[in-house]
C-alpha atoms as a PDB file:
ATOM      1  CA  MET A   1     194.674 115.053  -9.854  1.00  0.00           C
ATOM      2  CA  THR A   2     195.254 111.774  -7.815  1.00  0.00           C
ATOM      3  CA  LYS A   3     196.345 111.831  -4.314  1.00  0.00           C
ATOM      4  CA  ILE A   4     199.833 110.540  -3.931  1.00  0.00           C
ATOM      5  CA  ASN A   5     200.393 108.218  -0.812  1.00  0.00           C
ATOM      6  CA  TYR A   6     203.870 109.597   0.601  1.00  0.00           C
ATOM      7  CA  THR A   7     206.246 107.425   2.438  1.00  0.00           C
ATOM      8  CA  ASN A   8     207.960 108.857   5.588  1.00  0.00           C
ATOM      9  CA  GLU A   9     211.123 108.801   3.434  1.00  0.00           C
ATOM     10  CA  ASP A  10     209.703 111.194   1.029  1.00  0.00           C
ATOM     11  CA  LEU A  11     208.872 113.326   3.732  1.00  0.00           C
ATOM     12  CA  ILE A  12     212.169 114.333   4.964  1.00  0.00           C
ATOM     13  CA  ASP A  13     215.118 116.256   3.036  1.00  0.00           C
ATOM     14  CA  HIS A  14     217.177 113.811   1.090  1.00  0.00           C
ATOM     15  CA  HIS A  15     219.669 113.331  -1.659  1.00  0.00           C
ATOM     16  CA  ALA A  16     218.273 112.025  -4.872  1.00  0.00           C
ATOM     17  CA  ILE A  17     220.016 110.028  -8.138  1.00  0.00           C
ATOM     18  CA  ALA A  18     219.144 109.472 -11.304  1.00  0.00           C
ATOM     19  CA  ALA A  19     221.038 107.551 -13.895  1.00  0.00           C
ATOM     20  CA  VAL A  20     221.278 107.760 -17.535  1.00  0.00           C
ATOM     21  CA  ILE A  21     221.772 104.029 -18.769  1.00  0.00           C
ATOM     22  CA  LYS A  22     222.003 103.670 -22.418  1.00  0.00           C
ATOM     23  CA  ASN A  23     221.939 100.645 -24.595  1.00  0.00           C
ATOM     24  CA  LYS A  24     224.481  99.438 -27.213  1.00  0.00           C
ATOM     25  CA  THR A  25     222.396 101.584 -29.898  1.00  0.00           C
ATOM     26  CA  GLY A  26     222.210 104.867 -27.676  1.00  0.00           C
ATOM     27  CA  GLU A  27     218.601 104.169 -26.726  1.00  0.00           C
ATOM     28  CA  VAL A  28     217.977 105.559 -22.867  1.00  0.00           C
ATOM     29  CA  LEU A  29     215.996 103.546 -20.240  1.00  0.00           C
ATOM     30  CA  VAL A  30     212.746 104.805 -18.962  1.00  0.00           C
ATOM     31  CA  GLN A  31     210.294 103.605 -16.719  1.00  0.00           C
ATOM     32  CA  GLU A  32     206.764 104.575 -16.382  1.00  0.00           C
ATOM     33  CA  HIS A  33     206.755 105.221 -12.611  1.00  0.00           C
ATOM     34  CA  ILE A  34     202.820 103.932 -11.062  1.00  0.00           C
ATOM     35  CA  LYS A  35     203.120 106.154  -7.952  1.00  0.00           C
ATOM     36  CA  TYR A  36     203.667 109.459  -9.317  1.00  0.00           C
ATOM     37  CA  GLY A  37     202.341 108.810 -12.623  1.00  0.00           C
ATOM     38  CA  PHE A  38     205.060 110.080 -14.582  1.00  0.00           C
ATOM     39  CA  TRP A  39     208.123 108.442 -17.020  1.00  0.00           C
ATOM     40  CA  THR A  40     211.292 108.622 -15.553  1.00  0.00           C
ATOM     41  CA  ILE A  41     215.008 107.727 -16.121  1.00  0.00           C
ATOM     42  CA  PRO A  42     215.711 105.520 -13.058  1.00  0.00           C
ATOM     43  CA  VAL A  43     215.790 107.367  -9.814  1.00  0.00           C
ATOM     44  CA  GLY A  44     215.902 107.012  -6.136  1.00  0.00           C
ATOM     45  CA  LYS A  45     216.584 108.247  -2.649  1.00  0.00           C
ATOM     46  CA  VAL A  46     220.214 107.922  -1.188  1.00  0.00           C
ATOM     47  CA  LYS A  47     219.734 106.506   2.316  1.00  0.00           C
ATOM     48  CA  LYS A  48     221.415 108.522   5.705  1.00  0.00           C
ATOM     49  CA  ASP A  49     225.229 107.741   6.152  1.00  0.00           C
ATOM     50  CA  GLN A  50     225.126 106.239   2.064  1.00  0.00           C
ATOM     51  CA  SER A  51     227.508 107.709  -0.072  1.00  0.00           C
ATOM     52  CA  ILE A  52     225.801 109.267  -3.631  1.00  0.00           C
ATOM     53  CA  THR A  53     227.731 106.597  -5.525  1.00  0.00           C
ATOM     54  CA  ASP A  54     226.242 104.110  -3.559  1.00  0.00           C
ATOM     55  CA  GLY A  55     223.020 105.129  -3.566  1.00  0.00           C
ATOM     56  CA  LEU A  56     223.005 105.191  -7.588  1.00  0.00           C
ATOM     57  CA  LYS A  57     224.743 101.672  -7.291  1.00  0.00           C
ATOM     58  CA  GLN A  58     222.431 100.309  -4.906  1.00  0.00           C
ATOM     59  CA  GLU A  59     218.846 101.857  -6.558  1.00  0.00           C
ATOM     60  CA  VAL A  60     220.244 100.581 -10.291  1.00  0.00           C
ATOM     61  CA  PHE A  61     220.368  97.354  -8.999  1.00  0.00           C
ATOM     62  CA  GLU A  62     217.547  97.134  -6.765  1.00  0.00           C
ATOM     63  CA  GLU A  63     215.286  98.229  -9.961  1.00  0.00           C
ATOM     64  CA  CYS A  64     217.047  97.302 -12.911  1.00  0.00           C
ATOM     65  CA  ASN A  65     219.143  94.279 -12.087  1.00  0.00           C
ATOM     66  CA  LEU A  66     222.238  96.198 -13.536  1.00  0.00           C
ATOM     67  CA  GLU A  67     225.394  96.646 -11.834  1.00  0.00           C
ATOM     68  CA  VAL A  68     227.033 100.076 -12.321  1.00  0.00           C
ATOM     69  CA  GLU A  69     230.776  99.371 -13.376  1.00  0.00           C
ATOM     70  CA  SER A  70     231.604 103.244 -13.702  1.00  0.00           C
ATOM     71  CA  CYS A  71     229.502 106.366 -13.684  1.00  0.00           C
ATOM     72  CA  ARG A  72     230.326 109.899 -13.440  1.00  0.00           C
ATOM     73  CA  GLU A  73     227.988 112.651 -12.103  1.00  0.00           C
ATOM     74  CA  VAL A  74     226.576 115.098 -14.957  1.00  0.00           C
ATOM     75  CA  VAL A  75     224.934 117.852 -12.218  1.00  0.00           C
ATOM     76  CA  ALA A  76     223.268 118.515  -9.167  1.00  0.00           C
ATOM     77  CA  ARG A  77     220.459 120.517  -8.707  1.00  0.00           C
ATOM     78  CA  ASN A  78     218.458 121.664  -5.727  1.00  0.00           C
ATOM     79  CA  TYR A  79     214.650 120.935  -5.824  1.00  0.00           C
ATOM     80  CA  LEU A  80     211.961 122.300  -3.148  1.00  0.00           C
ATOM     81  CA  TYR A  81     208.538 120.191  -3.140  1.00  0.00           C
ATOM     82  CA  TYR A  82     205.745 120.666  -0.824  1.00  0.00           C
ATOM     83  CA  ARG A  83     204.013 117.300   0.400  1.00  0.00           C
ATOM     84  CA  ASN A  84     201.546 116.895   2.766  1.00  0.00           C
ATOM     85  CA  GLY A  85     201.934 120.488   4.119  1.00  0.00           C
ATOM     86  CA  SER A  86     205.722 119.832   4.600  1.00  0.00           C
ATOM     87  CA  ARG A  87     208.499 121.495   2.825  1.00  0.00           C
ATOM     88  CA  ILE A  88     210.712 119.307   1.449  1.00  0.00           C
ATOM     89  CA  LYS A  89     214.458 120.083  -0.326  1.00  0.00           C
ATOM     90  CA  VAL A  90     215.914 117.372  -2.493  1.00  0.00           C
ATOM     91  CA  MET A  91     219.452 117.513  -4.008  1.00  0.00           C
ATOM     92  CA  GLY A  92     219.107 115.405  -6.954  1.00  0.00           C
ATOM     93  CA  HIS A  93     222.375 114.029  -8.582  1.00  0.00           C
ATOM     94  CA  LEU A  94     222.398 113.147 -12.498  1.00  0.00           C
ATOM     95  CA  PHE A  95     224.618 110.580 -13.485  1.00  0.00           C
ATOM     96  CA  GLU A  96     225.799 109.225 -16.586  1.00  0.00           C
ATOM     97  CA  ILE A  97     226.286 105.144 -16.334  1.00  0.00           C
ATOM     98  CA  ILE A  98     229.364 104.572 -18.335  1.00  0.00           C
ATOM     99  CA  LYS A  99     229.688 101.006 -17.868  1.00  0.00           C
ATOM    100  CA  TYR A 100     227.413  98.248 -16.556  1.00  0.00           C
ATOM    101  CA  LYS A 101     226.847  94.614 -16.504  1.00  0.00           C
ATOM    102  CA  GLY A 102     223.600  92.443 -16.447  1.00  0.00           C
ATOM    103  CA  GLU A 103     220.560  91.824 -17.948  1.00  0.00           C
ATOM    104  CA  LEU A 104     217.534  93.913 -17.526  1.00  0.00           C
ATOM    105  CA  GLN A 105     214.780  93.138 -15.337  1.00  0.00           C
ATOM    106  CA  ASN A 106     212.179  95.119 -13.261  1.00  0.00           C
ATOM    107  CA  LEU A 107     212.812  93.935 -10.184  1.00  0.00           C
ATOM    108  CA  GLU A 108     210.081  96.519  -8.830  1.00  0.00           C
ATOM    109  CA  PRO A 109     206.855  96.265 -10.862  1.00  0.00           C
ATOM    110  CA  GLN A 110     204.582  97.359  -8.244  1.00  0.00           C
ATOM    111  CA  LYS A 111     206.747 100.762  -8.888  1.00  0.00           C
ATOM    112  CA  HIS A 112     207.214 100.316 -12.413  1.00  0.00           C
ATOM    113  CA  LYS A 113     204.270  99.301 -15.040  1.00  0.00           C
ATOM    114  CA  GLN A 114     207.252  99.026 -17.639  1.00  0.00           C
ATOM    115  CA  GLN A 115     211.047  99.514 -18.168  1.00  0.00           C
ATOM    116  CA  LEU A 116     211.842 100.525 -22.074  1.00  0.00           C
ATOM    117  CA  PHE A 117     215.221 101.653 -23.758  1.00  0.00           C
ATOM    118  CA  VAL A 118     213.987 104.503 -26.126  1.00  0.00           C
ATOM    119  CA  PRO A 119     215.252 107.366 -28.567  1.00  0.00           C
ATOM    120  CA  VAL A 120     215.570 110.907 -26.724  1.00  0.00           C
ATOM    121  CA  SER A 121     213.227 111.537 -29.617  1.00  0.00           C
ATOM    122  CA  LYS A 122     210.486 109.769 -28.075  1.00  0.00           C
ATOM    123  CA  ILE A 123     211.563 110.695 -24.527  1.00  0.00           C
ATOM    124  CA  ILE A 124     210.823 114.387 -25.127  1.00  0.00           C
ATOM    125  CA  LYS A 125     207.350 113.647 -26.409  1.00  0.00           C
ATOM    126  CA  LEU A 126     206.019 111.550 -23.364  1.00  0.00           C
ATOM    127  CA  PRO A 127     203.068 112.842 -21.682  1.00  0.00           C
ATOM    128  CA  TYR A 128     204.508 113.595 -18.037  1.00  0.00           C
ATOM    129  CA  LEU A 129     208.394 113.509 -17.071  1.00  0.00           C
ATOM    130  CA  SER A 130     209.934 113.569 -13.815  1.00  0.00           C
ATOM    131  CA  ASP A 131     212.253 116.488 -13.107  1.00  0.00           C
ATOM    132  CA  LEU A 132     215.223 114.501 -13.249  1.00  0.00           C
ATOM    133  CA  THR A 133     214.765 113.552 -16.692  1.00  0.00           C
ATOM    134  CA  LEU A 134     213.691 117.094 -17.393  1.00  0.00           C
ATOM    135  CA  LEU A 135     217.318 117.649 -16.096  1.00  0.00           C
ATOM    136  CA  TYR A 136     218.792 115.125 -18.139  1.00  0.00           C
ATOM    137  CA  LEU A 137     217.097 116.682 -21.163  1.00  0.00           C
ATOM    138  CA  ASP A 138     218.150 120.266 -20.179  1.00  0.00           C
ATOM    139  CA  GLN A 139     221.529 118.799 -20.112  1.00  0.00           C
ATOM    140  CA  LEU A 140     221.047 118.019 -24.127  1.00  0.00           C
ATOM    141  CA  GLY A 141     219.619 121.571 -24.636  1.00  0.00           C
ATOM    142  CA  LEU A 142     216.096 120.035 -24.627  1.00  0.00           C
ATOM    143  CA  HIS A 143     213.744 121.927 -22.922  1.00  0.00           C
ATOM    144  CA  ARG A 144     210.075 121.409 -22.069  1.00  0.00           C
ATOM    145  CA  LEU A 145     207.569 121.483 -19.014  1.00  0.00           C
ATOM    146  CA  ALA A 146     206.945 118.335 -16.941  1.00  0.00           C
ATOM    147  CA  ARG A 147     203.486 118.028 -18.927  1.00  0.00           C
ATOM    148  CA  LEU A 148     202.447 118.152 -21.888  1.00  0.00           C
END
């Protein structure tokens, strides 16, 4: 397993967001994440003193060039990670993006190898998924492990 170079932000308790963004045909946006090696729906950290919704809007714009116009939080779940000998608590917030505007563009190619809209039937078969992508699949009644 590859050693992950965590940032200082990765090593403190925080809120995380995840965005379920669909195209007109119902396919879901996923990204191939370089640092963690998994496929994920758009995810990110909420900055200190930032609302969860503002963090969501900022992350989606910074990563995807999409402006969130309306959204709803679907579920939140606590996660516990062990990173560099520290115990890190992350509260993950899963959002459905109801309406957005802009043209999809990978604005962080140093973080994401690619961004694709794919059907859920293909997401479930990807070899390694993020916890928040698994949370989304759980909401659909589709359960699997992170790695196939």
